[in-house]
Amino acid sequence: MSKAAQRALEAYPQNEVIVYGPLPGANEPNRIDDNLKYRIGYIEGYNQAEKDLALTWGDVQLLDFYAMECQVEESKGRKFNSSQEFFEEVLRRFNKTKEE
């Protein structure tokens, strides 16, 4: 089961309801999952969001550019206290560009 399907099932668990067929004389009840339509929409939205948020080669190029920019600043005296701080700055610059 995909991550999208798992999350959809958590958000919209199976909810079987009994309906009677539309055909005249249908005496046997049918069971349908009343939340199925919501899960399908959830999965489609989840998959589209993954596509929209996926990094492109241009994004990687920007990340590389900002990393080099920070390295130049570091060689000129800027002090990053840790590699985490360094990459947080790279990410901050990248996110700022993506927002614009």
N, C-alpha and C. Protein backbone atom coordinates (compact mmCIF):
# COMPACT_ATOMS: atom_id res chain seq x y z
N MET A 1 0.86 -1.18 0.00
CA MET A 1 0.00 0.00 0.00
C MET A 1 0.90 1.24 0.00
N SER A 2 0.61 2.19 -0.84
CA SER A 2 1.41 3.41 -0.94
C SER A 2 1.21 4.29 0.29
N LYS A 3 2.14 5.21 0.48
CA LYS A 3 2.03 6.15 1.61
C LYS A 3 0.76 6.98 1.48
N ALA A 4 0.45 7.37 0.23
CA ALA A 4 -0.76 8.16 0.00
C ALA A 4 -2.01 7.37 0.39
N ALA A 5 -2.04 6.09 0.01
CA ALA A 5 -3.19 5.25 0.33
C ALA A 5 -3.30 5.02 1.84
N GLN A 6 -2.15 4.85 2.51
CA GLN A 6 -2.18 4.67 3.96
C GLN A 6 -2.73 5.91 4.66
N ARG A 7 -2.24 7.07 4.24
CA ARG A 7 -2.71 8.32 4.86
C ARG A 7 -4.19 8.54 4.57
N ALA A 8 -4.61 8.21 3.35
CA ALA A 8 -6.02 8.37 2.98
C ALA A 8 -6.91 7.47 3.85
N LEU A 9 -6.44 6.26 4.09
CA LEU A 9 -7.21 5.33 4.92
C LEU A 9 -7.28 5.79 6.37
N GLU A 10 -6.20 6.43 6.83
CA GLU A 10 -6.22 6.98 8.20
C GLU A 10 -7.21 8.14 8.29
N ALA A 11 -7.20 8.99 7.26
CA ALA A 11 -8.09 10.16 7.28
C ALA A 11 -9.55 9.78 7.03
N TYR A 12 -9.74 8.80 6.14
CA TYR A 12 -11.10 8.38 5.78
C TYR A 12 -11.19 6.85 5.85
N PRO A 13 -11.38 6.32 7.06
CA PRO A 13 -11.43 4.85 7.21
C PRO A 13 -12.65 4.27 6.49
N GLN A 14 -12.55 2.97 6.25
CA GLN A 14 -13.67 2.31 5.58
C GLN A 14 -14.93 2.50 6.38
N ASN A 15 -15.99 2.83 5.68
CA ASN A 15 -17.28 3.08 6.32
C ASN A 15 -18.34 2.42 5.46
N GLU A 16 -18.53 1.13 5.71
CA GLU A 16 -19.49 0.39 4.90
C GLU A 16 -20.92 0.73 5.29
N VAL A 17 -21.70 1.00 4.28
CA VAL A 17 -23.13 1.24 4.49
C VAL A 17 -23.89 0.28 3.58
N ILE A 18 -25.08 -0.03 3.97
CA ILE A 18 -25.91 -0.94 3.20
C ILE A 18 -26.84 -0.12 2.32
N VAL A 19 -26.83 -0.44 1.04
CA VAL A 19 -27.77 0.19 0.11
C VAL A 19 -28.46 -0.92 -0.67
N TYR A 20 -29.63 -0.60 -1.14
CA TYR A 20 -30.35 -1.57 -1.95
C TYR A 20 -30.20 -1.14 -3.40
N GLY A 21 -30.08 -2.13 -4.25
CA GLY A 21 -29.84 -1.87 -5.67
C GLY A 21 -30.92 -1.03 -6.31
N PRO A 22 -30.56 -0.32 -7.36
CA PRO A 22 -31.53 0.55 -8.04
C PRO A 22 -32.51 -0.24 -8.90
N LEU A 23 -32.25 -1.52 -9.11
CA LEU A 23 -33.13 -2.31 -9.96
C LEU A 23 -34.39 -2.71 -9.20
N PRO A 24 -35.53 -2.67 -9.88
CA PRO A 24 -36.77 -3.07 -9.20
C PRO A 24 -36.67 -4.52 -8.73
N GLY A 25 -37.10 -4.74 -7.54
CA GLY A 25 -37.13 -6.09 -6.99
C GLY A 25 -35.80 -6.54 -6.40
N ALA A 26 -34.86 -5.65 -6.28
CA ALA A 26 -33.57 -6.04 -5.69
C ALA A 26 -33.75 -6.16 -4.18
N ASN A 27 -33.71 -7.36 -3.70
CA ASN A 27 -33.95 -7.59 -2.29
C ASN A 27 -32.66 -7.71 -1.50
N GLU A 28 -31.60 -8.09 -2.18
CA GLU A 28 -30.33 -8.31 -1.50
C GLU A 28 -29.63 -6.98 -1.25
N PRO A 29 -29.20 -6.77 -0.02
CA PRO A 29 -28.49 -5.52 0.26
C PRO A 29 -27.08 -5.55 -0.34
N ASN A 30 -26.63 -4.42 -0.76
CA ASN A 30 -25.26 -4.25 -1.23
C ASN A 30 -24.52 -3.42 -0.20
N ARG A 31 -23.26 -3.75 -0.01
CA ARG A 31 -22.44 -2.97 0.91
C ARG A 31 -21.47 -2.13 0.07
N ILE A 32 -21.43 -0.85 0.37
CA ILE A 32 -20.48 0.03 -0.30
C ILE A 32 -19.68 0.79 0.74
N ASP A 33 -18.50 1.19 0.36
CA ASP A 33 -17.64 1.98 1.25
C ASP A 33 -17.96 3.45 0.99
N ASP A 34 -18.61 4.06 1.94
CA ASP A 34 -19.07 5.44 1.79
C ASP A 34 -17.91 6.45 1.73
N ASN A 35 -16.72 6.07 2.21
CA ASN A 35 -15.57 6.98 2.21
C ASN A 35 -14.63 6.79 1.03
N LEU A 36 -14.95 5.84 0.16
CA LEU A 36 -14.06 5.54 -0.96
C LEU A 36 -13.82 6.77 -1.83
N LYS A 37 -14.85 7.52 -2.12
CA LYS A 37 -14.70 8.71 -2.98
C LYS A 37 -13.76 9.74 -2.35
N TYR A 38 -13.80 9.86 -1.03
CA TYR A 38 -12.93 10.81 -0.34
C TYR A 38 -11.47 10.33 -0.37
N ARG A 39 -11.28 9.01 -0.19
CA ARG A 39 -9.92 8.46 -0.24
C ARG A 39 -9.32 8.64 -1.63
N ILE A 40 -10.10 8.44 -2.67
CA ILE A 40 -9.59 8.61 -4.03
C ILE A 40 -9.15 10.06 -4.24
N GLY A 41 -9.96 11.01 -3.80
CA GLY A 41 -9.60 12.43 -3.92
C GLY A 41 -8.36 12.76 -3.10
N TYR A 42 -8.25 12.19 -1.92
CA TYR A 42 -7.08 12.42 -1.05
C TYR A 42 -5.83 11.91 -1.74
N ILE A 43 -5.89 10.71 -2.28
CA ILE A 43 -4.73 10.11 -2.95
C ILE A 43 -4.32 10.93 -4.16
N GLU A 44 -5.27 11.36 -4.96
CA GLU A 44 -4.94 12.18 -6.13
C GLU A 44 -4.29 13.50 -5.71
N GLY A 45 -4.82 14.14 -4.68
CA GLY A 45 -4.24 15.39 -4.19
C GLY A 45 -2.85 15.18 -3.61
N TYR A 46 -2.67 14.10 -2.89
CA TYR A 46 -1.37 13.77 -2.29
C TYR A 46 -0.33 13.57 -3.39
N ASN A 47 -0.68 12.79 -4.39
CA ASN A 47 0.25 12.52 -5.49
C ASN A 47 0.59 13.79 -6.26
N GLN A 48 -0.39 14.66 -6.46
CA GLN A 48 -0.12 15.92 -7.16
C GLN A 48 0.79 16.81 -6.32
N ALA A 49 0.57 16.84 -5.02
CA ALA A 49 1.43 17.65 -4.14
C ALA A 49 2.87 17.15 -4.18
N GLU A 50 3.06 15.83 -4.20
CA GLU A 50 4.42 15.29 -4.31
C GLU A 50 5.08 15.74 -5.60
N LYS A 51 4.34 15.74 -6.70
CA LYS A 51 4.89 16.20 -7.98
C LYS A 51 5.23 17.68 -7.92
N ASP A 52 4.34 18.47 -7.33
CA ASP A 52 4.55 19.92 -7.26
C ASP A 52 5.75 20.28 -6.39
N LEU A 53 6.01 19.49 -5.36
CA LEU A 53 7.08 19.79 -4.42
C LEU A 53 8.41 19.11 -4.75
N ALA A 54 8.43 18.26 -5.77
CA ALA A 54 9.65 17.54 -6.12
C ALA A 54 10.73 18.52 -6.59
N LEU A 55 11.96 18.25 -6.18
CA LEU A 55 13.07 19.09 -6.60
C LEU A 55 13.38 18.86 -8.07
N THR A 56 13.70 19.92 -8.76
CA THR A 56 14.11 19.83 -10.16
C THR A 56 15.63 20.00 -10.22
N TRP A 57 16.20 19.80 -11.40
CA TRP A 57 17.64 20.01 -11.54
C TRP A 57 17.97 21.47 -11.29
N GLY A 58 17.05 22.36 -11.63
CA GLY A 58 17.27 23.79 -11.38
C GLY A 58 17.32 24.09 -9.89
N ASP A 59 16.50 23.38 -9.11
CA ASP A 59 16.53 23.56 -7.66
C ASP A 59 17.87 23.10 -7.09
N VAL A 60 18.36 21.97 -7.56
CA VAL A 60 19.65 21.46 -7.10
C VAL A 60 20.76 22.43 -7.48
N GLN A 61 20.65 23.00 -8.67
CA GLN A 61 21.63 23.99 -9.11
C GLN A 61 21.63 25.20 -8.19
N LEU A 62 20.45 25.66 -7.80
CA LEU A 62 20.34 26.78 -6.86
C LEU A 62 20.95 26.43 -5.51
N LEU A 63 20.65 25.24 -5.01
CA LEU A 63 21.22 24.81 -3.73
C LEU A 63 22.75 24.80 -3.79
N ASP A 64 23.28 24.31 -4.89
CA ASP A 64 24.73 24.28 -5.07
C ASP A 64 25.29 25.70 -5.11
N PHE A 65 24.59 26.59 -5.81
CA PHE A 65 25.03 27.98 -5.90
C PHE A 65 25.08 28.62 -4.50
N TYR A 66 24.03 28.41 -3.71
CA TYR A 66 23.98 29.00 -2.37
C TYR A 66 25.03 28.39 -1.45
N ALA A 67 25.31 27.10 -1.62
CA ALA A 67 26.36 26.47 -0.83
C ALA A 67 27.72 27.09 -1.17
N MET A 68 27.97 27.30 -2.45
CA MET A 68 29.24 27.94 -2.85
C MET A 68 29.31 29.37 -2.34
N GLU A 69 28.18 30.06 -2.39
CA GLU A 69 28.12 31.44 -1.90
C GLU A 69 28.47 31.49 -0.40
N CYS A 70 27.93 30.56 0.36
CA CYS A 70 28.22 30.51 1.80
C CYS A 70 29.68 30.13 2.05
N GLN A 71 30.24 29.27 1.22
CA GLN A 71 31.65 28.92 1.36
C GLN A 71 32.53 30.13 1.12
N VAL A 72 32.19 30.94 0.12
CA VAL A 72 32.95 32.16 -0.16
C VAL A 72 32.86 33.10 1.04
N GLU A 73 31.66 33.27 1.59
CA GLU A 73 31.49 34.12 2.76
C GLU A 73 32.31 33.60 3.94
N GLU A 74 32.36 32.28 4.08
CA GLU A 74 33.13 31.68 5.16
C GLU A 74 34.62 31.95 4.98
N SER A 75 35.09 31.89 3.73
CA SER A 75 36.51 32.16 3.47
C SER A 75 36.86 33.63 3.70
N LYS A 76 35.84 34.50 3.67
CA LYS A 76 36.06 35.92 3.91
C LYS A 76 35.84 36.30 5.38
N GLY A 77 35.64 35.28 6.24
CA GLY A 77 35.56 35.58 7.67
C GLY A 77 34.23 35.28 8.34
N ARG A 78 33.19 34.98 7.59
CA ARG A 78 31.92 34.64 8.25
C ARG A 78 32.09 33.31 8.96
N LYS A 79 31.56 33.23 10.16
CA LYS A 79 31.73 32.02 10.97
C LYS A 79 30.39 31.30 11.10
N PHE A 80 30.36 30.06 10.62
CA PHE A 80 29.22 29.18 10.86
C PHE A 80 29.64 28.26 12.00
N ASN A 81 28.83 28.14 13.02
CA ASN A 81 29.19 27.37 14.21
C ASN A 81 29.13 25.86 13.99
N SER A 82 28.40 25.44 12.96
CA SER A 82 28.28 24.00 12.70
C SER A 82 27.87 23.81 11.24
N SER A 83 28.00 22.58 10.78
CA SER A 83 27.55 22.29 9.41
C SER A 83 26.03 22.45 9.32
N GLN A 84 25.34 22.18 10.43
CA GLN A 84 23.88 22.38 10.43
C GLN A 84 23.56 23.85 10.18
N GLU A 85 24.25 24.73 10.85
CA GLU A 85 24.01 26.17 10.67
C GLU A 85 24.32 26.58 9.23
N PHE A 86 25.39 26.04 8.68
CA PHE A 86 25.78 26.33 7.29
C PHE A 86 24.64 25.94 6.34
N PHE A 87 24.18 24.71 6.46
CA PHE A 87 23.15 24.22 5.54
C PHE A 87 21.78 24.84 5.81
N GLU A 88 21.52 25.25 7.03
CA GLU A 88 20.28 25.98 7.31
C GLU A 88 20.29 27.32 6.58
N GLU A 89 21.45 27.94 6.50
CA GLU A 89 21.57 29.20 5.76
C GLU A 89 21.37 28.97 4.26
N VAL A 90 21.95 27.89 3.75
CA VAL A 90 21.74 27.53 2.34
C VAL A 90 20.26 27.32 2.08
N LEU A 91 19.61 26.57 2.96
CA LEU A 91 18.18 26.29 2.82
C LEU A 91 17.34 27.56 2.94
N ARG A 92 17.71 28.45 3.86
CA ARG A 92 16.98 29.71 4.02
C ARG A 92 17.02 30.51 2.73
N ARG A 93 18.18 30.59 2.12
CA ARG A 93 18.32 31.34 0.86
C ARG A 93 17.52 30.68 -0.26
N PHE A 94 17.58 29.37 -0.31
CA PHE A 94 16.84 28.63 -1.33
C PHE A 94 15.34 28.86 -1.18
N ASN A 95 14.83 28.71 0.04
CA ASN A 95 13.40 28.90 0.29
C ASN A 95 12.96 30.32 -0.02
N LYS A 96 13.81 31.30 0.29
CA LYS A 96 13.48 32.69 0.00
C LYS A 96 13.33 32.88 -1.52
N THR A 97 14.22 32.28 -2.28
CA THR A 97 14.14 32.37 -3.74
C THR A 97 12.87 31.70 -4.26
N LYS A 98 12.52 30.53 -3.70
CA LYS A 98 11.33 29.80 -4.15
C LYS A 98 10.04 30.56 -3.84
N GLU A 99 10.05 31.36 -2.76
CA GLU A 99 8.86 32.13 -2.39
C GLU A 99 8.62 33.29 -3.34
N GLU A 100 9.70 33.82 -3.91
CA GLU A 100 9.60 35.00 -4.78
C GLU A 100 9.01 34.69 -6.12
